[in-house]
Amino acid sequence: MGWLSRLFGRDEEEKAKKSKTAKTSVAQAPASTGGGSIPSERVGLNGEYDQSGLAKRVAYAFDQDSQIDDIETLWVAQTGSTVVLKGTVPSQDLLNKIVSVAKKVDGATKVDTSQVTVS
């Protein structure tokens, strides 16, 4: 099981697999209502509005990086454009890699690791 599936359910992973547009970057996605654009932290894997869009795209980015295995003791959330990591990781080097990947996802302005313990 990968990050996206574990954190958001198999449906999200299946949607990402079926879509040729699943991505971690954000083009100017049109808003489905109101005529404006979707804030980058709310853009889902396929360009749709998604309240947890940034967190899902970060989880997807983790799945795409062969150096990051799914860590069942670490969770990804978001507060606005801040990626929030919670839980435990086995090493500081791995946490540094995870933070580096998360920072590269469009819409992420900060990565909060204050709730992560290195064991």
N, C-alpha and C. Protein backbone atom coordinates (compact mmCIF):
# COMPACT_ATOMS: atom_id res chain seq x y z
N MET A 1 0.85 -1.17 0.00
CA MET A 1 0.00 0.00 0.00
C MET A 1 0.90 1.23 0.00
N GLY A 2 0.54 2.22 -0.78
CA GLY A 2 1.33 3.44 -0.86
C GLY A 2 0.78 4.55 0.02
N TRP A 3 1.47 5.66 0.00
CA TRP A 3 1.09 6.82 0.81
C TRP A 3 -0.34 7.27 0.50
N LEU A 4 -0.62 7.49 -0.77
CA LEU A 4 -1.91 8.04 -1.17
C LEU A 4 -3.05 7.12 -0.75
N SER A 5 -2.89 5.85 -0.99
CA SER A 5 -3.92 4.88 -0.63
C SER A 5 -4.10 4.78 0.88
N ARG A 6 -3.00 4.73 1.62
CA ARG A 6 -3.08 4.60 3.07
C ARG A 6 -3.72 5.82 3.72
N LEU A 7 -3.37 6.99 3.23
CA LEU A 7 -3.85 8.23 3.87
C LEU A 7 -5.23 8.67 3.40
N PHE A 8 -5.54 8.41 2.13
CA PHE A 8 -6.78 8.95 1.57
C PHE A 8 -7.70 7.90 0.97
N GLY A 9 -7.30 6.64 1.02
CA GLY A 9 -8.15 5.57 0.52
C GLY A 9 -7.77 5.09 -0.86
N ARG A 10 -8.15 3.86 -1.13
CA ARG A 10 -7.83 3.25 -2.42
C ARG A 10 -8.49 3.98 -3.59
N ASP A 11 -9.62 4.62 -3.34
CA ASP A 11 -10.30 5.35 -4.41
C ASP A 11 -9.40 6.43 -4.99
N GLU A 12 -8.71 7.16 -4.12
CA GLU A 12 -7.82 8.24 -4.59
C GLU A 12 -6.66 7.66 -5.40
N GLU A 13 -6.11 6.55 -4.93
CA GLU A 13 -5.02 5.91 -5.67
C GLU A 13 -5.51 5.44 -7.03
N GLU A 14 -6.70 4.86 -7.08
CA GLU A 14 -7.26 4.39 -8.34
C GLU A 14 -7.51 5.56 -9.29
N LYS A 15 -8.03 6.67 -8.77
CA LYS A 15 -8.26 7.85 -9.60
C LYS A 15 -6.95 8.34 -10.19
N ALA A 16 -5.90 8.37 -9.37
CA ALA A 16 -4.59 8.83 -9.83
C ALA A 16 -4.02 7.90 -10.89
N LYS A 17 -4.20 6.59 -10.72
CA LYS A 17 -3.69 5.62 -11.69
C LYS A 17 -4.42 5.74 -13.02
N LYS A 18 -5.73 5.95 -12.97
CA LYS A 18 -6.53 6.02 -14.19
C LYS A 18 -6.31 7.33 -14.94
N SER A 19 -5.95 8.35 -14.23
CA SER A 19 -5.79 9.66 -14.84
C SER A 19 -4.38 9.81 -15.41
N LYS A 20 -4.31 10.32 -16.60
CA LYS A 20 -3.00 10.60 -17.18
C LYS A 20 -2.51 11.97 -16.74
N THR A 21 -3.34 12.72 -16.01
CA THR A 21 -2.96 14.06 -15.61
C THR A 21 -2.61 14.17 -14.13
N ALA A 22 -2.64 13.06 -13.39
CA ALA A 22 -2.30 13.13 -11.97
C ALA A 22 -0.91 13.73 -11.84
N LYS A 23 -0.77 14.67 -10.93
CA LYS A 23 0.49 15.41 -10.88
C LYS A 23 0.69 16.05 -9.52
N THR A 24 1.91 16.51 -9.31
CA THR A 24 2.23 17.24 -8.10
C THR A 24 2.32 18.73 -8.38
N SER A 25 2.36 19.09 -9.65
CA SER A 25 2.41 20.52 -9.99
C SER A 25 1.02 21.01 -10.34
N VAL A 26 0.86 22.31 -10.31
CA VAL A 26 -0.45 22.91 -10.51
C VAL A 26 -0.39 23.89 -11.66
N ALA A 27 -1.20 23.63 -12.67
CA ALA A 27 -1.42 24.64 -13.69
C ALA A 27 -2.52 25.54 -13.16
N GLN A 28 -2.79 26.62 -13.76
CA GLN A 28 -3.90 27.45 -13.32
C GLN A 28 -5.19 26.67 -13.53
N ALA A 29 -5.66 26.07 -12.48
CA ALA A 29 -6.88 25.27 -12.56
C ALA A 29 -8.09 26.18 -12.44
N PRO A 30 -9.03 26.06 -13.36
CA PRO A 30 -10.23 26.90 -13.27
C PRO A 30 -11.11 26.45 -12.11
N ALA A 31 -11.75 27.39 -11.48
CA ALA A 31 -12.69 27.04 -10.41
C ALA A 31 -13.97 26.52 -11.06
N SER A 32 -14.56 25.53 -10.44
CA SER A 32 -15.77 24.96 -11.02
C SER A 32 -16.96 25.88 -10.87
N THR A 33 -16.89 26.78 -9.91
CA THR A 33 -17.94 27.76 -9.76
C THR A 33 -17.30 29.11 -9.47
N GLY A 34 -17.95 30.15 -9.81
CA GLY A 34 -17.47 31.48 -9.46
C GLY A 34 -16.52 32.10 -10.46
N GLY A 35 -16.02 31.35 -11.43
CA GLY A 35 -15.20 31.93 -12.48
C GLY A 35 -13.77 32.24 -12.10
N GLY A 36 -13.36 32.11 -10.84
CA GLY A 36 -11.98 32.39 -10.45
C GLY A 36 -11.13 31.15 -10.61
N SER A 37 -9.91 31.24 -10.10
CA SER A 37 -9.06 30.06 -10.14
C SER A 37 -9.01 29.44 -8.75
N ILE A 38 -8.68 28.17 -8.70
CA ILE A 38 -8.60 27.45 -7.43
C ILE A 38 -7.26 27.78 -6.77
N PRO A 39 -7.26 28.10 -5.48
CA PRO A 39 -5.98 28.32 -4.80
C PRO A 39 -5.12 27.07 -4.93
N SER A 40 -3.83 27.23 -5.14
CA SER A 40 -2.96 26.09 -5.44
C SER A 40 -2.99 25.02 -4.36
N GLU A 41 -3.22 25.39 -3.11
CA GLU A 41 -3.27 24.38 -2.05
C GLU A 41 -4.56 23.57 -2.07
N ARG A 42 -5.53 23.98 -2.87
CA ARG A 42 -6.82 23.28 -2.96
C ARG A 42 -7.00 22.54 -4.29
N VAL A 43 -5.97 22.49 -5.10
CA VAL A 43 -6.06 21.78 -6.38
C VAL A 43 -5.74 20.31 -6.15
N GLY A 44 -6.67 19.46 -6.59
CA GLY A 44 -6.50 18.02 -6.42
C GLY A 44 -5.56 17.42 -7.44
N LEU A 45 -5.44 16.12 -7.40
CA LEU A 45 -4.51 15.40 -8.27
C LEU A 45 -4.81 15.59 -9.75
N ASN A 46 -6.06 15.84 -10.08
CA ASN A 46 -6.45 15.96 -11.48
C ASN A 46 -6.92 17.35 -11.86
N GLY A 47 -6.55 18.34 -11.06
CA GLY A 47 -6.88 19.73 -11.36
C GLY A 47 -8.21 20.19 -10.81
N GLU A 48 -8.94 19.30 -10.13
CA GLU A 48 -10.24 19.65 -9.57
C GLU A 48 -10.06 20.32 -8.20
N TYR A 49 -11.11 21.01 -7.73
CA TYR A 49 -11.07 21.56 -6.38
C TYR A 49 -11.10 20.40 -5.39
N ASP A 50 -10.19 20.45 -4.42
CA ASP A 50 -10.12 19.42 -3.39
C ASP A 50 -9.62 20.07 -2.11
N GLN A 51 -10.41 20.02 -1.07
CA GLN A 51 -10.06 20.63 0.22
C GLN A 51 -8.70 20.13 0.72
N SER A 52 -8.37 18.89 0.42
CA SER A 52 -7.10 18.28 0.85
C SER A 52 -6.15 18.10 -0.33
N GLY A 53 -6.29 18.93 -1.34
CA GLY A 53 -5.51 18.77 -2.57
C GLY A 53 -4.02 18.76 -2.37
N LEU A 54 -3.49 19.69 -1.59
CA LEU A 54 -2.05 19.76 -1.37
C LEU A 54 -1.55 18.49 -0.69
N ALA A 55 -2.23 18.06 0.36
CA ALA A 55 -1.81 16.86 1.09
C ALA A 55 -1.84 15.64 0.17
N LYS A 56 -2.84 15.54 -0.69
CA LYS A 56 -2.93 14.41 -1.61
C LYS A 56 -1.80 14.45 -2.63
N ARG A 57 -1.48 15.66 -3.13
CA ARG A 57 -0.40 15.77 -4.10
C ARG A 57 0.95 15.48 -3.45
N VAL A 58 1.11 15.82 -2.18
CA VAL A 58 2.35 15.49 -1.45
C VAL A 58 2.44 13.97 -1.29
N ALA A 59 1.36 13.32 -0.87
CA ALA A 59 1.36 11.86 -0.74
C ALA A 59 1.68 11.20 -2.08
N TYR A 60 1.11 11.72 -3.15
CA TYR A 60 1.39 11.22 -4.49
C TYR A 60 2.87 11.39 -4.83
N ALA A 61 3.44 12.54 -4.48
CA ALA A 61 4.87 12.79 -4.73
C ALA A 61 5.73 11.79 -3.96
N PHE A 62 5.35 11.47 -2.73
CA PHE A 62 6.08 10.47 -1.96
C PHE A 62 6.01 9.11 -2.65
N ASP A 63 4.84 8.76 -3.18
CA ASP A 63 4.69 7.48 -3.89
C ASP A 63 5.56 7.44 -5.15
N GLN A 64 5.77 8.57 -5.78
CA GLN A 64 6.54 8.62 -7.02
C GLN A 64 8.04 8.61 -6.79
N ASP A 65 8.49 8.87 -5.57
CA ASP A 65 9.92 8.91 -5.25
C ASP A 65 10.37 7.55 -4.75
N SER A 66 11.23 6.89 -5.51
CA SER A 66 11.66 5.53 -5.16
C SER A 66 12.49 5.48 -3.88
N GLN A 67 12.97 6.60 -3.40
CA GLN A 67 13.76 6.62 -2.17
C GLN A 67 12.90 6.73 -0.92
N ILE A 68 11.60 6.94 -1.10
CA ILE A 68 10.71 7.10 0.05
C ILE A 68 9.70 5.96 0.06
N ASP A 69 9.90 5.03 0.96
CA ASP A 69 8.91 3.96 1.15
C ASP A 69 7.80 4.50 2.03
N ASP A 70 6.63 3.89 1.92
CA ASP A 70 5.51 4.28 2.78
C ASP A 70 5.90 3.99 4.23
N ILE A 71 5.77 4.99 5.06
CA ILE A 71 6.08 4.85 6.49
C ILE A 71 4.74 4.89 7.22
N GLU A 72 4.33 3.75 7.73
CA GLU A 72 3.00 3.64 8.33
C GLU A 72 2.84 4.44 9.62
N THR A 73 3.93 4.99 10.13
CA THR A 73 3.86 5.78 11.36
C THR A 73 3.93 7.28 11.08
N LEU A 74 3.82 7.67 9.80
CA LEU A 74 3.88 9.09 9.44
C LEU A 74 2.65 9.45 8.62
N TRP A 75 2.05 10.59 8.92
CA TRP A 75 0.85 11.06 8.23
C TRP A 75 1.11 12.42 7.63
N VAL A 76 0.37 12.72 6.58
CA VAL A 76 0.47 14.00 5.88
C VAL A 76 -0.88 14.69 5.96
N ALA A 77 -0.86 15.95 6.36
CA ALA A 77 -2.07 16.77 6.38
C ALA A 77 -1.68 18.15 5.84
N GLN A 78 -2.62 19.05 5.87
CA GLN A 78 -2.31 20.41 5.45
C GLN A 78 -3.13 21.40 6.25
N THR A 79 -2.54 22.55 6.46
CA THR A 79 -3.23 23.70 7.01
C THR A 79 -2.97 24.82 6.03
N GLY A 80 -3.95 25.13 5.21
CA GLY A 80 -3.74 26.10 4.15
C GLY A 80 -2.66 25.59 3.21
N SER A 81 -1.62 26.38 3.02
CA SER A 81 -0.53 25.99 2.12
C SER A 81 0.65 25.37 2.87
N THR A 82 0.45 25.07 4.16
CA THR A 82 1.49 24.41 4.95
C THR A 82 1.25 22.91 4.98
N VAL A 83 2.26 22.14 4.61
CA VAL A 83 2.20 20.68 4.71
C VAL A 83 2.54 20.34 6.15
N VAL A 84 1.69 19.56 6.79
CA VAL A 84 1.88 19.18 8.18
C VAL A 84 2.19 17.69 8.23
N LEU A 85 3.35 17.35 8.78
CA LEU A 85 3.74 15.96 8.97
C LEU A 85 3.57 15.60 10.43
N LYS A 86 3.01 14.41 10.69
CA LYS A 86 2.75 13.97 12.06
C LYS A 86 3.17 12.52 12.20
N GLY A 87 3.81 12.18 13.30
CA GLY A 87 4.14 10.80 13.57
C GLY A 87 5.61 10.57 13.85
N THR A 88 6.09 9.40 13.43
CA THR A 88 7.45 8.97 13.73
C THR A 88 8.15 8.51 12.46
N VAL A 89 9.42 8.88 12.33
CA VAL A 89 10.26 8.41 11.22
C VAL A 89 11.50 7.75 11.80
N PRO A 90 12.11 6.81 11.05
CA PRO A 90 13.25 6.09 11.60
C PRO A 90 14.57 6.86 11.63
N SER A 91 14.70 7.92 10.81
CA SER A 91 15.98 8.65 10.81
C SER A 91 15.79 10.10 10.39
N GLN A 92 16.72 10.93 10.79
CA GLN A 92 16.70 12.34 10.41
C GLN A 92 16.95 12.49 8.91
N ASP A 93 17.81 11.65 8.35
CA ASP A 93 18.07 11.71 6.91
C ASP A 93 16.81 11.46 6.10
N LEU A 94 16.03 10.48 6.52
CA LEU A 94 14.77 10.20 5.83
C LEU A 94 13.79 11.36 5.99
N LEU A 95 13.72 11.93 7.18
CA LEU A 95 12.84 13.09 7.38
C LEU A 95 13.28 14.24 6.48
N ASN A 96 14.57 14.48 6.37
CA ASN A 96 15.08 15.55 5.51
C ASN A 96 14.67 15.31 4.06
N LYS A 97 14.74 14.06 3.59
CA LYS A 97 14.35 13.72 2.22
C LYS A 97 12.85 13.96 2.03
N ILE A 98 12.05 13.54 2.99
CA ILE A 98 10.60 13.72 2.92
C ILE A 98 10.25 15.21 2.86
N VAL A 99 10.89 16.00 3.69
CA VAL A 99 10.64 17.45 3.70
C VAL A 99 11.04 18.05 2.36
N SER A 100 12.16 17.62 1.82
CA SER A 100 12.63 18.13 0.53
C SER A 100 11.62 17.86 -0.58
N VAL A 101 11.09 16.65 -0.62
CA VAL A 101 10.10 16.30 -1.64
C VAL A 101 8.82 17.11 -1.43
N ALA A 102 8.37 17.23 -0.20
CA ALA A 102 7.13 17.97 0.10
C ALA A 102 7.26 19.44 -0.31
N LYS A 103 8.41 20.04 -0.08
CA LYS A 103 8.61 21.45 -0.42
C LYS A 103 8.53 21.71 -1.91
N LYS A 104 8.82 20.70 -2.71
CA LYS A 104 8.82 20.86 -4.17
C LYS A 104 7.43 20.79 -4.78
N VAL A 105 6.44 20.35 -4.01
CA VAL A 105 5.08 20.24 -4.53
C VAL A 105 4.48 21.65 -4.64
N ASP A 106 3.96 21.96 -5.83
CA ASP A 106 3.37 23.28 -6.05
C ASP A 106 2.30 23.58 -5.01
N GLY A 107 2.35 24.78 -4.48
CA GLY A 107 1.37 25.21 -3.50
C GLY A 107 1.86 25.09 -2.07
N ALA A 108 2.93 24.32 -1.84
CA ALA A 108 3.48 24.17 -0.49
C ALA A 108 4.39 25.35 -0.19
N THR A 109 4.03 26.11 0.82
CA THR A 109 4.85 27.26 1.21
C THR A 109 5.73 26.95 2.42
N LYS A 110 5.37 25.89 3.16
CA LYS A 110 6.09 25.54 4.37
C LYS A 110 5.81 24.08 4.68
N VAL A 111 6.76 23.42 5.37
CA VAL A 111 6.55 22.06 5.85
C VAL A 111 6.76 22.07 7.36
N ASP A 112 5.72 21.74 8.09
CA ASP A 112 5.75 21.73 9.56
C ASP A 112 6.07 20.32 10.04
N THR A 113 7.21 20.17 10.73
CA THR A 113 7.63 18.88 11.26
C THR A 113 7.61 18.86 12.79
N SER A 114 6.96 19.84 13.38
CA SER A 114 6.96 19.95 14.84
C SER A 114 6.26 18.77 15.54
N GLN A 115 5.47 18.00 14.78
CA GLN A 115 4.76 16.86 15.35
C GLN A 115 5.38 15.52 14.92
N VAL A 116 6.65 15.59 14.47
CA VAL A 116 7.36 14.39 14.04
C VAL A 116 8.45 14.05 15.04
N THR A 117 8.53 12.78 15.38
CA THR A 117 9.58 12.28 16.26
C THR A 117 10.50 11.38 15.44
N VAL A 118 11.82 11.55 15.62
CA VAL A 118 12.79 10.68 14.98
C VAL A 118 13.16 9.60 15.98
N SER A 119 12.96 8.33 15.60
CA SER A 119 13.26 7.24 16.55
C SER A 119 14.48 6.46 16.15
